[in-house]
Amino acid sequence: MALREELKEQLIEQLNLEDLTPKDIADDAPLFGNGLGLDSIDALEIIVLLDNEYGITLANPDEGKRVFQSINSIAEYIEAHKS
């Protein structure tokens, strides 16, 4: 399974977004604000997901803002930092 599709499925499950399917989430759509409307609690859940599923730890909150912009930005970060 492609990383972006996998991420969409993980986000839907982790964040209890049962009314969405992976097809409902565009790769470049904003995850926060006017996009999916995620909030700071969801950001913490995404941090846990990255740590548990990919062994990636985000320590810098500013980095998180950049990484969590879209499915594309999360996937690119994973690809650049996975061991």
C-alpha atoms as a PDB file:
ATOM      1  CA  MET A   1       0.000   0.000   0.000  1.00  0.00           C
ATOM      2  CA  ALA A   2       1.263   3.445  -0.863  1.00  0.00           C
ATOM      3  CA  LEU A   3       2.396   5.528   2.102  1.00  0.00           C
ATOM      4  CA  ARG A   4      -0.148   8.318   1.502  1.00  0.00           C
ATOM      5  CA  GLU A   5      -3.086   5.894   1.412  1.00  0.00           C
ATOM      6  CA  GLU A   6      -1.766   4.148   4.512  1.00  0.00           C
ATOM      7  CA  LEU A   7      -1.498   7.498   6.316  1.00  0.00           C
ATOM      8  CA  LYS A   8      -5.068   8.413   5.401  1.00  0.00           C
ATOM      9  CA  GLU A   9      -6.383   5.119   6.765  1.00  0.00           C
ATOM     10  CA  GLN A  10      -4.319   5.503   9.952  1.00  0.00           C
ATOM     11  CA  LEU A  11      -5.547   9.069  10.504  1.00  0.00           C
ATOM     12  CA  ILE A  12      -9.171   8.068   9.970  1.00  0.00           C
ATOM     13  CA  GLU A  13      -8.802   5.249  12.497  1.00  0.00           C
ATOM     14  CA  GLN A  14      -6.624   7.112  15.037  1.00  0.00           C
ATOM     15  CA  LEU A  15      -8.714  10.302  15.006  1.00  0.00           C
ATOM     16  CA  ASN A  16     -12.116   8.556  14.821  1.00  0.00           C
ATOM     17  CA  LEU A  17     -13.033  10.210  11.518  1.00  0.00           C
ATOM     18  CA  GLU A  18     -15.576   7.486  10.695  1.00  0.00           C
ATOM     19  CA  ASP A  19     -17.525   9.705   8.317  1.00  0.00           C
ATOM     20  CA  LEU A  20     -14.494   9.981   6.002  1.00  0.00           C
ATOM     21  CA  THR A  21     -12.825   7.558   3.617  1.00  0.00           C
ATOM     22  CA  PRO A  22      -9.276   7.848   2.278  1.00  0.00           C
ATOM     23  CA  LYS A  23     -10.757   9.121  -1.009  1.00  0.00           C
ATOM     24  CA  ASP A  24     -12.308  12.057   0.905  1.00  0.00           C
ATOM     25  CA  ILE A  25      -8.864  13.334   1.930  1.00  0.00           C
ATOM     26  CA  ALA A  26      -6.833  14.978  -0.820  1.00  0.00           C
ATOM     27  CA  ASP A  27      -3.072  14.491  -0.540  1.00  0.00           C
ATOM     28  CA  ASP A  28      -2.493  18.255  -0.567  1.00  0.00           C
ATOM     29  CA  ALA A  29      -5.555  19.330   1.462  1.00  0.00           C
ATOM     30  CA  PRO A  30      -4.854  21.216   4.705  1.00  0.00           C
ATOM     31  CA  LEU A  31      -5.344  18.984   7.741  1.00  0.00           C
ATOM     32  CA  PHE A  32      -5.989  21.858  10.156  1.00  0.00           C
ATOM     33  CA  GLY A  33      -8.152  24.966   9.935  1.00  0.00           C
ATOM     34  CA  ASN A  34     -10.321  25.096   6.813  1.00  0.00           C
ATOM     35  CA  GLY A  35      -9.188  21.664   5.632  1.00  0.00           C
ATOM     36  CA  LEU A  36     -10.161  18.643   7.715  1.00  0.00           C
ATOM     37  CA  GLY A  37     -10.565  20.916  10.719  1.00  0.00           C
ATOM     38  CA  LEU A  38      -8.195  19.013  12.982  1.00  0.00           C
ATOM     39  CA  ASP A  39      -7.138  20.608  16.284  1.00  0.00           C
ATOM     40  CA  SER A  40      -4.227  20.490  18.744  1.00  0.00           C
ATOM     41  CA  ILE A  41      -5.482  17.262  20.348  1.00  0.00           C
ATOM     42  CA  ASP A  42      -5.467  15.661  16.897  1.00  0.00           C
ATOM     43  CA  ALA A  43      -1.895  16.898  16.404  1.00  0.00           C
ATOM     44  CA  LEU A  44      -0.863  15.043  19.559  1.00  0.00           C
ATOM     45  CA  GLU A  45      -2.536  11.897  18.218  1.00  0.00           C
ATOM     46  CA  ILE A  46      -0.599  12.262  14.954  1.00  0.00           C
ATOM     47  CA  ILE A  47       2.660  12.608  16.929  1.00  0.00           C
ATOM     48  CA  VAL A  48       1.858   9.357  18.750  1.00  0.00           C
ATOM     49  CA  LEU A  49       0.987   7.686  15.443  1.00  0.00           C
ATOM     50  CA  LEU A  50       4.302   8.706  13.855  1.00  0.00           C
ATOM     51  CA  ASP A  51       6.208   7.413  16.862  1.00  0.00           C
ATOM     52  CA  ASN A  52       4.328   4.102  17.118  1.00  0.00           C
ATOM     53  CA  GLU A  53       4.039   3.277  13.417  1.00  0.00           C
ATOM     54  CA  TYR A  54       7.206   4.785  11.968  1.00  0.00           C
ATOM     55  CA  GLY A  55       9.583   5.282  14.923  1.00  0.00           C
ATOM     56  CA  ILE A  56       9.706   9.022  14.225  1.00  0.00           C
ATOM     57  CA  THR A  57       9.749  11.497  17.104  1.00  0.00           C
ATOM     58  CA  LEU A  58       8.851  15.162  16.626  1.00  0.00           C
ATOM     59  CA  ALA A  59      10.437  17.205  19.375  1.00  0.00           C
ATOM     60  CA  ASN A  60      10.095  20.703  17.938  1.00  0.00           C
ATOM     61  CA  PRO A  61       6.529  22.145  17.832  1.00  0.00           C
ATOM     62  CA  ASP A  62       7.475  24.469  14.958  1.00  0.00           C
ATOM     63  CA  GLU A  63       8.545  21.448  12.946  1.00  0.00           C
ATOM     64  CA  GLY A  64       5.153  19.851  13.644  1.00  0.00           C
ATOM     65  CA  LYS A  65       3.320  22.825  12.143  1.00  0.00           C
ATOM     66  CA  ARG A  66       5.262  22.385   8.914  1.00  0.00           C
ATOM     67  CA  VAL A  67       5.057  18.582   8.849  1.00  0.00           C
ATOM     68  CA  PHE A  68       1.331  18.364   9.616  1.00  0.00           C
ATOM     69  CA  GLN A  69       0.165  20.679   6.814  1.00  0.00           C
ATOM     70  CA  SER A  70      -1.100  17.859   4.582  1.00  0.00           C
ATOM     71  CA  ILE A  71      -0.854  14.144   3.844  1.00  0.00           C
ATOM     72  CA  ASN A  72       1.902  15.001   1.343  1.00  0.00           C
ATOM     73  CA  SER A  73       3.992  16.857   3.932  1.00  0.00           C
ATOM     74  CA  ILE A  74       3.637  14.037   6.503  1.00  0.00           C
ATOM     75  CA  ALA A  75       4.571  11.408   3.891  1.00  0.00           C
ATOM     76  CA  GLU A  76       7.597  13.420   2.754  1.00  0.00           C
ATOM     77  CA  TYR A  77       8.737  13.790   6.365  1.00  0.00           C
ATOM     78  CA  ILE A  78       8.381  10.052   6.993  1.00  0.00           C
ATOM     79  CA  GLU A  79      10.287   9.204   3.819  1.00  0.00           C
ATOM     80  CA  ALA A  80      13.097  11.581   4.801  1.00  0.00           C
ATOM     81  CA  HIS A  81      13.362  10.401   8.432  1.00  0.00           C
ATOM     82  CA  LYS A  82      12.484   6.729   8.585  1.00  0.00           C
ATOM     83  CA  SER A  83      15.307   4.446   9.588  1.00  0.00           C
END
